Amino acid sequence: METLVWVVHVLTAVVLIGLVLVQHGKGADMGAAFGTGSAGGLFGSGGSANFLSRSTAVAATIFFVTSLTLTYLYAHPLHAQGVMERTDVSKIVPQVPTGNDAPDSKSKEIPK
């Protein structure tokens, strides 16, 4: 599931970047007034702006939702384990002998 969300997130980011770069800025309206605009284009005279702005809004919404989904997935992992459950303590902490295995402190000689 996480991989699918990542793929959708990255693809949406690329689409969003492309849509923003294709759109005309506010200064492009002056060029359309002098006949350089695409009045007979694929989307009509004003349809291009509506189509691109709606597509950008949809892509931004999908990007926002996938961002929140990824945040939720990383904050609440499916295999929730604490640090102590993932760590093998026996490899870190030396085993202290107990009972009969404990060395007798009286039998050791102090080196001179």
PDB file of N, CA and C in Angstrom:
ATOM      1  N   MET A   1       0.823  -1.191   0.000  1.00  0.00           N
ATOM      2  CA  MET A   1       0.000   0.000   0.000  1.00  0.00           C
ATOM      3  C   MET A   1       0.867   1.254   0.000  1.00  0.00           C
ATOM      4  N   GLU A   2       1.917   1.206   0.824  1.00  0.00           N
ATOM      5  CA  GLU A   2       2.793   2.360   0.924  1.00  0.00           C
ATOM      6  C   GLU A   2       3.482   2.653  -0.412  1.00  0.00           C
ATOM      7  N   THR A   3       3.879   1.604  -1.119  1.00  0.00           N
ATOM      8  CA  THR A   3       4.533   1.785  -2.422  1.00  0.00           C
ATOM      9  C   THR A   3       3.576   2.404  -3.425  1.00  0.00           C
ATOM     10  N   LEU A   4       2.334   1.977  -3.406  1.00  0.00           N
ATOM     11  CA  LEU A   4       1.335   2.543  -4.315  1.00  0.00           C
ATOM     12  C   LEU A   4       1.128   4.033  -4.052  1.00  0.00           C
ATOM     13  N   VAL A   5       1.058   4.402  -2.782  1.00  0.00           N
ATOM     14  CA  VAL A   5       0.880   5.817  -2.428  1.00  0.00           C
ATOM     15  C   VAL A   5       2.090   6.622  -2.880  1.00  0.00           C
ATOM     16  N   TRP A   6       3.299   6.055  -2.718  1.00  0.00           N
ATOM     17  CA  TRP A   6       4.508   6.760  -3.169  1.00  0.00           C
ATOM     18  C   TRP A   6       4.503   6.964  -4.682  1.00  0.00           C
ATOM     19  N   VAL A   7       4.097   5.947  -5.433  1.00  0.00           N
ATOM     20  CA  VAL A   7       4.060   6.067  -6.900  1.00  0.00           C
ATOM     21  C   VAL A   7       3.064   7.141  -7.319  1.00  0.00           C
ATOM     22  N   VAL A   8       1.869   7.123  -6.738  1.00  0.00           N
ATOM     23  CA  VAL A   8       0.857   8.135  -7.061  1.00  0.00           C
ATOM     24  C   VAL A   8       1.359   9.523  -6.662  1.00  0.00           C
ATOM     25  N   HIS A   9       2.033   9.619  -5.528  1.00  0.00           N
ATOM     26  CA  HIS A   9       2.538  10.900  -5.035  1.00  0.00           C
ATOM     27  C   HIS A   9       3.574  11.487  -6.000  1.00  0.00           C
ATOM     28  N   VAL A  10       4.526  10.675  -6.427  1.00  0.00           N
ATOM     29  CA  VAL A  10       5.579  11.163  -7.326  1.00  0.00           C
ATOM     30  C   VAL A  10       5.008  11.507  -8.699  1.00  0.00           C
ATOM     31  N   LEU A  11       4.132  10.662  -9.225  1.00  0.00           N
ATOM     32  CA  LEU A  11       3.522  10.964 -10.526  1.00  0.00           C
ATOM     33  C   LEU A  11       2.682  12.239 -10.470  1.00  0.00           C
ATOM     34  N   THR A  12       1.962  12.420  -9.390  1.00  0.00           N
ATOM     35  CA  THR A  12       1.166  13.633  -9.231  1.00  0.00           C
ATOM     36  C   THR A  12       2.062  14.862  -9.132  1.00  0.00           C
ATOM     37  N   ALA A  13       3.194  14.724  -8.471  1.00  0.00           N
ATOM     38  CA  ALA A  13       4.128  15.849  -8.366  1.00  0.00           C
ATOM     39  C   ALA A  13       4.652  16.243  -9.743  1.00  0.00           C
ATOM     40  N   VAL A  14       4.988  15.255 -10.563  1.00  0.00           N
ATOM     41  CA  VAL A  14       5.486  15.545 -11.916  1.00  0.00           C
ATOM     42  C   VAL A  14       4.395  16.191 -12.760  1.00  0.00           C
ATOM     43  N   VAL A  15       3.183  15.680 -12.682  1.00  0.00           N
ATOM     44  CA  VAL A  15       2.059  16.256 -13.431  1.00  0.00           C
ATOM     45  C   VAL A  15       1.783  17.687 -12.962  1.00  0.00           C
ATOM     46  N   LEU A  16       1.832  17.902 -11.671  1.00  0.00           N
ATOM     47  CA  LEU A  16       1.587  19.227 -11.116  1.00  0.00           C
ATOM     48  C   LEU A  16       2.644  20.223 -11.585  1.00  0.00           C
ATOM     49  N   ILE A  17       3.889  19.807 -11.600  1.00  0.00           N
ATOM     50  CA  ILE A  17       4.959  20.681 -12.102  1.00  0.00           C
ATOM     51  C   ILE A  17       4.722  21.013 -13.573  1.00  0.00           C
ATOM     52  N   GLY A  18       4.374  20.010 -14.363  1.00  0.00           N
ATOM     53  CA  GLY A  18       4.102  20.240 -15.782  1.00  0.00           C
ATOM     54  C   GLY A  18       2.930  21.177 -16.013  1.00  0.00           C
ATOM     55  N   LEU A  19       1.864  20.992 -15.258  1.00  0.00           N
ATOM     56  CA  LEU A  19       0.686  21.853 -15.428  1.00  0.00           C
ATOM     57  C   LEU A  19       0.987  23.303 -15.047  1.00  0.00           C
ATOM     58  N   VAL A  20       1.758  23.499 -14.016  1.00  0.00           N
ATOM     59  CA  VAL A  20       2.096  24.860 -13.608  1.00  0.00           C
ATOM     60  C   VAL A  20       2.982  25.525 -14.658  1.00  0.00           C
ATOM     61  N   LEU A  21       3.909  24.768 -15.228  1.00  0.00           N
ATOM     62  CA  LEU A  21       4.798  25.343 -16.238  1.00  0.00           C
ATOM     63  C   LEU A  21       4.082  25.648 -17.552  1.00  0.00           C
ATOM     64  N   VAL A  22       3.044  24.914 -17.882  1.00  0.00           N
ATOM     65  CA  VAL A  22       2.315  25.124 -19.134  1.00  0.00           C
ATOM     66  C   VAL A  22       1.398  26.341 -19.048  1.00  0.00           C
ATOM     67  N   GLN A  23       0.923  26.668 -17.864  1.00  0.00           N
ATOM     68  CA  GLN A  23      -0.034  27.769 -17.726  1.00  0.00           C
ATOM     69  C   GLN A  23       0.615  29.111 -18.050  1.00  0.00           C
ATOM     70  N   HIS A  24      -0.205  30.018 -18.543  1.00  0.00           N
ATOM     71  CA  HIS A  24       0.249  31.373 -18.846  1.00  0.00           C
ATOM     72  C   HIS A  24       0.164  32.221 -17.589  1.00  0.00           C
ATOM     73  N   GLY A  25       1.076  33.154 -17.485  1.00  0.00           N
ATOM     74  CA  GLY A  25       1.034  34.068 -16.358  1.00  0.00           C
ATOM     75  C   GLY A  25       0.025  35.179 -16.604  1.00  0.00           C
ATOM     76  N   LYS A  26      -0.101  36.094 -15.652  1.00  0.00           N
ATOM     77  CA  LYS A  26      -1.050  37.202 -15.797  1.00  0.00           C
ATOM     78  C   LYS A  26      -0.630  38.158 -16.906  1.00  0.00           C
ATOM     79  N   GLY A  27       0.645  38.247 -17.196  1.00  0.00           N
ATOM     80  CA  GLY A  27       1.127  39.123 -18.260  1.00  0.00           C
ATOM     81  C   GLY A  27       0.847  38.582 -19.650  1.00  0.00           C
ATOM     82  N   ALA A  28       0.433  37.343 -19.776  1.00  0.00           N
ATOM     83  CA  ALA A  28       0.167  36.747 -21.076  1.00  0.00           C
ATOM     84  C   ALA A  28      -1.144  37.248 -21.672  1.00  0.00           C
ATOM     85  N   ASP A  29      -2.006  37.868 -20.889  1.00  0.00           N
ATOM     86  CA  ASP A  29      -3.279  38.373 -21.399  1.00  0.00           C
ATOM     87  C   ASP A  29      -3.077  39.513 -22.387  1.00  0.00           C
ATOM     88  N   MET A  30      -2.039  40.294 -22.214  1.00  0.00           N
ATOM     89  CA  MET A  30      -1.778  41.407 -23.120  1.00  0.00           C
ATOM     90  C   MET A  30      -1.417  40.892 -24.515  1.00  0.00           C
ATOM     91  N   GLY A  31      -0.687  39.799 -24.607  1.00  0.00           N
ATOM     92  CA  GLY A  31      -0.335  39.223 -25.900  1.00  0.00           C
ATOM     93  C   GLY A  31      -1.564  38.696 -26.624  1.00  0.00           C
ATOM     94  N   ALA A  32      -2.529  38.179 -25.889  1.00  0.00           N
ATOM     95  CA  ALA A  32      -3.750  37.673 -26.510  1.00  0.00           C
ATOM     96  C   ALA A  32      -4.580  38.811 -27.092  1.00  0.00           C
ATOM     97  N   ALA A  33      -4.458  40.013 -26.529  1.00  0.00           N
ATOM     98  CA  ALA A  33      -5.220  41.154 -27.029  1.00  0.00           C
ATOM     99  C   ALA A  33      -4.717  41.601 -28.407  1.00  0.00           C
ATOM    100  N   PHE A  34      -3.468  41.353 -28.709  1.00  0.00           N
ATOM    101  CA  PHE A  34      -2.897  41.757 -29.995  1.00  0.00           C
ATOM    102  C   PHE A  34      -2.923  40.642 -31.031  1.00  0.00           C
ATOM    103  N   GLY A  35      -3.652  39.618 -30.802  1.00  0.00           N
ATOM    104  CA  GLY A  35      -3.831  38.589 -31.814  1.00  0.00           C
ATOM    105  C   GLY A  35      -2.882  37.415 -31.720  1.00  0.00           C
ATOM    106  N   THR A  36      -2.022  37.367 -30.723  1.00  0.00           N
ATOM    107  CA  THR A  36      -1.116  36.238 -30.616  1.00  0.00           C
ATOM    108  C   THR A  36      -1.675  35.136 -29.726  1.00  0.00           C
ATOM    109  N   GLY A  37      -2.860  35.319 -29.208  1.00  0.00           N
ATOM    110  CA  GLY A  37      -3.480  34.308 -28.356  1.00  0.00           C
ATOM    111  C   GLY A  37      -4.048  33.182 -29.190  1.00  0.00           C
ATOM    112  N   SER A  38      -4.465  32.128 -28.552  1.00  0.00           N
ATOM    113  CA  SER A  38      -5.003  30.969 -29.266  1.00  0.00           C
ATOM    114  C   SER A  38      -6.521  30.972 -29.160  1.00  0.00           C
ATOM    115  N   ALA A  39      -7.157  31.883 -29.906  1.00  0.00           N
ATOM    116  CA  ALA A  39      -8.615  31.987 -29.856  1.00  0.00           C
ATOM    117  C   ALA A  39      -9.276  30.773 -30.485  1.00  0.00           C
ATOM    118  N   GLY A  40      -8.663  30.199 -31.485  1.00  0.00           N
ATOM    119  CA  GLY A  40      -9.259  29.026 -32.137  1.00  0.00           C
ATOM    120  C   GLY A  40      -8.528  27.767 -31.771  1.00  0.00           C
ATOM    121  N   GLY A  41      -7.971  27.706 -30.612  1.00  0.00           N
ATOM    122  CA  GLY A  41      -7.170  26.564 -30.190  1.00  0.00           C
ATOM    123  C   GLY A  41      -8.029  25.369 -29.827  1.00  0.00           C
ATOM    124  N   LEU A  42      -7.414  24.417 -29.236  1.00  0.00           N
ATOM    125  CA  LEU A  42      -8.068  23.157 -28.904  1.00  0.00           C
ATOM    126  C   LEU A  42      -9.198  23.343 -27.901  1.00  0.00           C
ATOM    127  N   PHE A  43      -9.029  24.233 -26.931  1.00  0.00           N
ATOM    128  CA  PHE A  43     -10.021  24.401 -25.871  1.00  0.00           C
ATOM    129  C   PHE A  43     -10.892  25.629 -26.075  1.00  0.00           C
ATOM    130  N   GLY A  44     -10.765  26.330 -27.161  1.00  0.00           N
ATOM    131  CA  GLY A  44     -11.537  27.551 -27.382  1.00  0.00           C
ATOM    132  C   GLY A  44     -10.811  28.754 -26.820  1.00  0.00           C
ATOM    133  N   SER A  45     -11.479  29.900 -26.803  1.00  0.00           N
ATOM    134  CA  SER A  45     -10.804  31.130 -26.397  1.00  0.00           C
ATOM    135  C   SER A  45     -10.521  31.182 -24.897  1.00  0.00           C
ATOM    136  N   GLY A  46     -11.444  30.741 -24.078  1.00  0.00           N
ATOM    137  CA  GLY A  46     -11.228  30.805 -22.636  1.00  0.00           C
ATOM    138  C   GLY A  46     -11.163  29.437 -21.998  1.00  0.00           C
ATOM    139  N   GLY A  47     -11.359  28.403 -22.779  1.00  0.00           N
ATOM    140  CA  GLY A  47     -11.399  27.058 -22.235  1.00  0.00           C
ATOM    141  C   GLY A  47     -10.061  26.545 -21.773  1.00  0.00           C
ATOM    142  N   SER A  48      -8.987  27.039 -22.347  1.00  0.00           N
ATOM    143  CA  SER A  48      -7.655  26.575 -21.982  1.00  0.00           C
ATOM    144  C   SER A  48      -7.340  26.914 -20.529  1.00  0.00           C
ATOM    145  N   ALA A  49      -7.662  28.132 -20.149  1.00  0.00           N
ATOM    146  CA  ALA A  49      -7.383  28.542 -18.775  1.00  0.00           C
ATOM    147  C   ALA A  49      -8.220  27.739 -17.788  1.00  0.00           C
ATOM    148  N   ASN A  50      -9.490  27.522 -18.101  1.00  0.00           N
ATOM    149  CA  ASN A  50     -10.338  26.746 -17.197  1.00  0.00           C
ATOM    150  C   ASN A  50      -9.860  25.306 -17.076  1.00  0.00           C
ATOM    151  N   PHE A  51      -9.525  24.692 -18.224  1.00  0.00           N
ATOM    152  CA  PHE A  51      -9.076  23.302 -18.209  1.00  0.00           C
ATOM    153  C   PHE A  51      -7.780  23.158 -17.410  1.00  0.00           C
ATOM    154  N   LEU A  52      -6.826  24.049 -17.664  1.00  0.00           N
ATOM    155  CA  LEU A  52      -5.543  23.956 -16.968  1.00  0.00           C
ATOM    156  C   LEU A  52      -5.672  24.271 -15.478  1.00  0.00           C
ATOM    157  N   SER A  53      -6.479  25.260 -15.151  1.00  0.00           N
ATOM    158  CA  SER A  53      -6.620  25.603 -13.735  1.00  0.00           C
ATOM    159  C   SER A  53      -7.368  24.509 -12.971  1.00  0.00           C
ATOM    160  N   ARG A  54      -8.361  23.901 -13.605  1.00  0.00           N
ATOM    161  CA  ARG A  54      -9.073  22.798 -12.932  1.00  0.00           C
ATOM    162  C   ARG A  54      -8.180  21.567 -12.811  1.00  0.00           C
ATOM    163  N   SER A  55      -7.408  21.288 -13.846  1.00  0.00           N
ATOM    164  CA  SER A  55      -6.484  20.153 -13.776  1.00  0.00           C
ATOM    165  C   SER A  55      -5.427  20.366 -12.700  1.00  0.00           C
ATOM    166  N   THR A  56      -4.954  21.600 -12.584  1.00  0.00           N
ATOM    167  CA  THR A  56      -3.979  21.918 -11.543  1.00  0.00           C
ATOM    168  C   THR A  56      -4.600  21.759 -10.162  1.00  0.00           C
ATOM    169  N   ALA A  57      -5.842  22.184 -10.014  1.00  0.00           N
ATOM    170  CA  ALA A  57      -6.519  22.046  -8.719  1.00  0.00           C
ATOM    171  C   ALA A  57      -6.716  20.576  -8.355  1.00  0.00           C
ATOM    172  N   VAL A  58      -7.068  19.754  -9.330  1.00  0.00           N
ATOM    173  CA  VAL A  58      -7.245  18.321  -9.073  1.00  0.00           C
ATOM    174  C   VAL A  58      -5.907  17.684  -8.702  1.00  0.00           C
ATOM    175  N   ALA A  59      -4.853  18.010  -9.456  1.00  0.00           N
ATOM    176  CA  ALA A  59      -3.533  17.448  -9.163  1.00  0.00           C
ATOM    177  C   ALA A  59      -3.033  17.905  -7.796  1.00  0.00           C
ATOM    178  N   ALA A  60      -3.275  19.170  -7.455  1.00  0.00           N
ATOM    179  CA  ALA A  60      -2.855  19.669  -6.140  1.00  0.00           C
ATOM    180  C   ALA A  60      -3.617  18.967  -5.020  1.00  0.00           C
ATOM    181  N   THR A  61      -4.897  18.690  -5.230  1.00  0.00           N
ATOM    182  CA  THR A  61      -5.691  17.978  -4.225  1.00  0.00           C
ATOM    183  C   THR A  61      -5.187  16.551  -4.034  1.00  0.00           C
ATOM    184  N   ILE A  62      -4.897  15.869  -5.143  1.00  0.00           N
ATOM    185  CA  ILE A  62      -4.369  14.503  -5.051  1.00  0.00           C
ATOM    186  C   ILE A  62      -3.014  14.505  -4.345  1.00  0.00           C
ATOM    187  N   PHE A  63      -2.173  15.492  -4.673  1.00  0.00           N
ATOM    188  CA  PHE A  63      -0.863  15.602  -4.036  1.00  0.00           C
ATOM    189  C   PHE A  63      -1.009  15.834  -2.535  1.00  0.00           C
ATOM    190  N   PHE A  64      -1.951  16.675  -2.164  1.00  0.00           N
ATOM    191  CA  PHE A  64      -2.197  16.968  -0.751  1.00  0.00           C
ATOM    192  C   PHE A  64      -2.682  15.722  -0.017  1.00  0.00           C
ATOM    193  N   VAL A  65      -3.591  14.981  -0.626  1.00  0.00           N
ATOM    194  CA  VAL A  65      -4.132  13.774   0.008  1.00  0.00           C
ATOM    195  C   VAL A  65      -3.052  12.705   0.153  1.00  0.00           C
ATOM    196  N   THR A  66      -2.227  12.520  -0.887  1.00  0.00           N
ATOM    197  CA  THR A  66      -1.158  11.520  -0.774  1.00  0.00           C
ATOM    198  C   THR A  66      -0.111  11.951   0.261  1.00  0.00           C
ATOM    199  N   SER A  67       0.122  13.247   0.392  1.00  0.00           N
ATOM    200  CA  SER A  67       1.050  13.723   1.423  1.00  0.00           C
ATOM    201  C   SER A  67       0.525  13.393   2.816  1.00  0.00           C
ATOM    202  N   LEU A  68      -0.751  13.649   3.032  1.00  0.00           N
ATOM    203  CA  LEU A  68      -1.353  13.322   4.330  1.00  0.00           C
ATOM    204  C   LEU A  68      -1.373  11.817   4.578  1.00  0.00           C
ATOM    205  N   THR A  69      -1.625  11.037   3.528  1.00  0.00           N
ATOM    206  CA  THR A  69      -1.641   9.580   3.664  1.00  0.00           C
ATOM    207  C   THR A  69      -0.263   9.055   4.047  1.00  0.00           C
ATOM    208  N   LEU A  70       0.779   9.565   3.390  1.00  0.00           N
ATOM    209  CA  LEU A  70       2.135   9.134   3.721  1.00  0.00           C
ATOM    210  C   LEU A  70       2.509   9.536   5.149  1.00  0.00           C
ATOM    211  N   THR A  71       2.074  10.713   5.548  1.00  0.00           N
ATOM    212  CA  THR A  71       2.334  11.144   6.923  1.00  0.00           C
ATOM    213  C   THR A  71       1.658  10.213   7.917  1.00  0.00           C
ATOM    214  N   TYR A  72       0.425   9.838   7.640  1.00  0.00           N
ATOM    215  CA  TYR A  72      -0.300   8.931   8.526  1.00  0.00           C
ATOM    216  C   TYR A  72       0.361   7.553   8.559  1.00  0.00           C
ATOM    217  N   LEU A  73       0.771   7.049   7.391  1.00  0.00           N
ATOM    218  CA  LEU A  73       1.374   5.720   7.336  1.00  0.00           C
ATOM    219  C   LEU A  73       2.683   5.664   8.114  1.00  0.00           C
ATOM    220  N   TYR A  74       3.460   6.734   8.068  1.00  0.00           N
ATOM    221  CA  TYR A  74       4.723   6.738   8.797  1.00  0.00           C
ATOM    222  C   TYR A  74       4.527   7.029  10.287  1.00  0.00           C
ATOM    223  N   ALA A  75       3.463   7.699  10.638  1.00  0.00           N
ATOM    224  CA  ALA A  75       3.200   7.966  12.056  1.00  0.00           C
ATOM    225  C   ALA A  75       2.555   6.763  12.743  1.00  0.00           C
ATOM    226  N   HIS A  76       1.819   5.951  12.000  1.00  0.00           N
ATOM    227  CA  HIS A  76       1.132   4.780  12.545  1.00  0.00           C
ATOM    228  C   HIS A  76       1.500   3.557  11.710  1.00  0.00           C
ATOM    229  N   PRO A  77       2.696   3.001  11.898  1.00  0.00           N
ATOM    230  CA  PRO A  77       3.093   1.849  11.087  1.00  0.00           C
ATOM    231  C   PRO A  77       2.227   0.630  11.380  1.00  0.00           C
ATOM    232  N   LEU A  78       2.066  -0.217  10.362  1.00  0.00           N
ATOM    233  CA  LEU A  78       1.238  -1.413  10.523  1.00  0.00           C
ATOM    234  C   LEU A  78       1.877  -2.414  11.480  1.00  0.00           C
ATOM    235  N   HIS A  79       3.185  -2.514  11.454  1.00  0.00           N
ATOM    236  CA  HIS A  79       3.901  -3.446  12.324  1.00  0.00           C
ATOM    237  C   HIS A  79       4.517  -2.642  13.453  1.00  0.00           C
ATOM    238  N   ALA A  80       3.676  -2.070  14.276  1.00  0.00           N
ATOM    239  CA  ALA A  80       4.161  -1.185  15.331  1.00  0.00           C
ATOM    240  C   ALA A  80       4.937  -1.979  16.367  1.00  0.00           C
ATOM    241  N   GLN A  81       6.193  -1.631  16.483  1.00  0.00           N
ATOM    242  CA  GLN A  81       7.049  -2.219  17.491  1.00  0.00           C
ATOM    243  C   GLN A  81       7.849  -1.105  18.124  1.00  0.00           C
ATOM    244  N   GLY A  82       8.027  -1.229  19.395  1.00  0.00           N
ATOM    245  CA  GLY A  82       8.876  -0.265  20.063  1.00  0.00           C
ATOM    246  C   GLY A  82      10.341  -0.610  19.845  1.00  0.00           C
ATOM    247  N   VAL A  83      11.205   0.207  20.361  1.00  0.00           N
ATOM    248  CA  VAL A  83      12.634  -0.014  20.207  1.00  0.00           C
ATOM    249  C   VAL A  83      13.049  -1.292  20.916  1.00  0.00           C
ATOM    250  N   MET A  84      12.464  -1.568  22.055  1.00  0.00           N
ATOM    251  CA  MET A  84      12.849  -2.747  22.831  1.00  0.00           C
ATOM    252  C   MET A  84      12.419  -4.049  22.152  1.00  0.00           C
ATOM    253  N   GLU A  85      11.316  -4.032  21.413  1.00  0.00           N
ATOM    254  CA  GLU A  85      10.879  -5.238  20.722  1.00  0.00           C
ATOM    255  C   GLU A  85      11.754  -5.533  19.510  1.00  0.00           C
ATOM    256  N   ARG A  86      12.334  -4.502  18.907  1.00  0.00           N
ATOM    257  CA  ARG A  86      13.172  -4.698  17.728  1.00  0.00           C
ATOM    258  C   ARG A  86      14.619  -4.998  18.092  1.00  0.00           C
ATOM    259  N   THR A  87      15.005  -4.781  19.328  1.00  0.00           N
ATOM    260  CA  THR A  87      16.387  -4.943  19.744  1.00  0.00           C
ATOM    261  C   THR A  87      16.549  -6.245  20.503  1.00  0.00           C
ATOM    262  N   ASP A  88      17.561  -7.017  20.132  1.00  0.00           N
ATOM    263  CA  ASP A  88      17.883  -8.235  20.862  1.00  0.00           C
ATOM    264  C   ASP A  88      18.802  -7.835  22.011  1.00  0.00           C
ATOM    265  N   VAL A  89      18.240  -7.738  23.201  1.00  0.00           N
ATOM    266  CA  VAL A  89      18.958  -7.235  24.359  1.00  0.00           C
ATOM    267  C   VAL A  89      20.098  -8.179  24.747  1.00  0.00           C
ATOM    268  N   SER A  90      19.954  -9.472  24.459  1.00  0.00           N
ATOM    269  CA  SER A  90      20.995 -10.427  24.861  1.00  0.00           C
ATOM    270  C   SER A  90      22.308 -10.173  24.130  1.00  0.00           C
ATOM    271  N   LYS A  91      22.264  -9.532  22.977  1.00  0.00           N
ATOM    272  CA  LYS A  91      23.492  -9.216  22.253  1.00  0.00           C
ATOM    273  C   LYS A  91      24.175  -7.973  22.811  1.00  0.00           C
ATOM    274  N   ILE A  92      23.417  -7.141  23.493  1.00  0.00           N
ATOM    275  CA  ILE A  92      23.960  -5.884  24.003  1.00  0.00           C
ATOM    276  C   ILE A  92      24.421  -6.020  25.440  1.00  0.00           C
ATOM    277  N   VAL A  93      23.558  -6.571  26.288  1.00  0.00           N
ATOM    278  CA  VAL A  93      23.838  -6.669  27.721  1.00  0.00           C
ATOM    279  C   VAL A  93      24.482  -8.018  27.997  1.00  0.00           C
ATOM    280  N   PRO A  94      25.655  -8.033  28.635  1.00  0.00           N
ATOM    281  CA  PRO A  94      26.264  -9.328  28.971  1.00  0.00           C
ATOM    282  C   PRO A  94      25.427 -10.058  30.013  1.00  0.00           C
ATOM    283  N   GLN A  95      25.394 -11.360  29.905  1.00  0.00           N
ATOM    284  CA  GLN A  95      24.618 -12.171  30.831  1.00  0.00           C
ATOM    285  C   GLN A  95      25.338 -12.261  32.174  1.00  0.00           C
ATOM    286  N   VAL A  96      24.612 -11.975  33.226  1.00  0.00           N
ATOM    287  CA  VAL A  96      25.157 -12.040  34.579  1.00  0.00           C
ATOM    288  C   VAL A  96      24.861 -13.424  35.126  1.00  0.00           C
ATOM    289  N   PRO A  97      25.891 -14.143  35.526  1.00  0.00           N
ATOM    290  CA  PRO A  97      25.640 -15.487  36.066  1.00  0.00           C
ATOM    291  C   PRO A  97      24.897 -15.406  37.400  1.00  0.00           C
ATOM    292  N   THR A  98      23.976 -16.308  37.592  1.00  0.00           N
ATOM    293  CA  THR A  98      23.187 -16.334  38.822  1.00  0.00           C
ATOM    294  C   THR A  98      23.258 -17.722  39.440  1.00  0.00           C
ATOM    295  N   GLY A  99      22.987 -17.804  40.709  1.00  0.00           N
ATOM    296  CA  GLY A  99      22.904 -19.101  41.390  1.00  0.00           C
ATOM    297  C   GLY A  99      24.244 -19.800  41.458  1.00  0.00           C
ATOM    298  N   ASN A 100      24.300 -21.091  41.059  1.00  0.00           N
ATOM    299  CA  ASN A 100      25.511 -21.909  41.151  1.00  0.00           C
ATOM    300  C   ASN A 100      26.575 -21.486  40.145  1.00  0.00           C
ATOM    301  N   ASP A 101      26.178 -20.781  39.096  1.00  0.00           N
ATOM    302  CA  ASP A 101      27.135 -20.373  38.081  1.00  0.00           C
ATOM    303  C   ASP A 101      27.958 -19.166  38.504  1.00  0.00           C
ATOM    304  N   ALA A 102      27.550 -18.497  39.570  1.00  0.00           N
ATOM    305  CA  ALA A 102      28.249 -17.283  39.995  1.00  0.00           C
ATOM    306  C   ALA A 102      29.614 -17.644  40.549  1.00  0.00           C
ATOM    307  N   PRO A 103      30.638 -16.899  40.195  1.00  0.00           N
ATOM    308  CA  PRO A 103      31.977 -17.183  40.726  1.00  0.00           C
ATOM    309  C   PRO A 103      32.042 -16.860  42.208  1.00  0.00           C
ATOM    310  N   ASP A 104      32.795 -17.619  42.908  1.00  0.00           N
ATOM    311  CA  ASP A 104      32.967 -17.423  44.341  1.00  0.00           C
ATOM    312  C   ASP A 104      34.045 -16.367  44.572  1.00  0.00           C
ATOM    313  N   SER A 105      33.665 -15.292  45.195  1.00  0.00           N
ATOM    314  CA  SER A 105      34.598 -14.204  45.378  1.00  0.00           C
ATOM    315  C   SER A 105      35.673 -14.538  46.423  1.00  0.00           C
ATOM    316  N   LYS A 106      35.411 -15.490  47.335  1.00  0.00           N
ATOM    317  CA  LYS A 106      36.389 -15.837  48.377  1.00  0.00           C
ATOM    318  C   LYS A 106      37.501 -16.705  47.825  1.00  0.00           C
ATOM    319  N   SER A 107      37.222 -17.443  46.749  1.00  0.00           N
ATOM    320  CA  SER A 107      38.236 -18.361  46.257  1.00  0.00           C
ATOM    321  C   SER A 107      39.289 -17.678  45.397  1.00  0.00           C
ATOM    322  N   LYS A 108      39.053 -16.481  44.986  1.00  0.00           N
ATOM    323  CA  LYS A 108      40.028 -15.785  44.148  1.00  0.00           C
ATOM    324  C   LYS A 108      41.146 -15.236  45.005  1.00  0.00           C
ATOM    325  N   GLU A 109      42.318 -15.382  44.506  1.00  0.00           N
ATOM    326  CA  GLU A 109      43.461 -14.838  45.202  1.00  0.00           C
ATOM    327  C   GLU A 109      43.773 -13.463  44.657  1.00  0.00           C
ATOM    328  N   ILE A 110      44.175 -12.605  45.506  1.00  0.00           N
ATOM    329  CA  ILE A 110      44.540 -11.275  45.101  1.00  0.00           C
ATOM    330  C   ILE A 110      45.999 -11.301  44.667  1.00  0.00           C
ATOM    331  N   PRO A 111      46.284 -10.869  43.442  1.00  0.00           N
ATOM    332  CA  PRO A 111      47.675 -10.900  42.969  1.00  0.00           C
ATOM    333  C   PRO A 111      48.540  -9.940  43.760  1.00  0.00           C
ATOM    334  N   LYS A 112      49.795 -10.377  44.004  1.00  0.00           N
ATOM    335  CA  LYS A 112      50.715  -9.559  44.793  1.00  0.00           C
ATOM    336  C   LYS A 112      51.692  -8.844  43.905  1.00  0.00           C
TER     337      LYS A 112
END
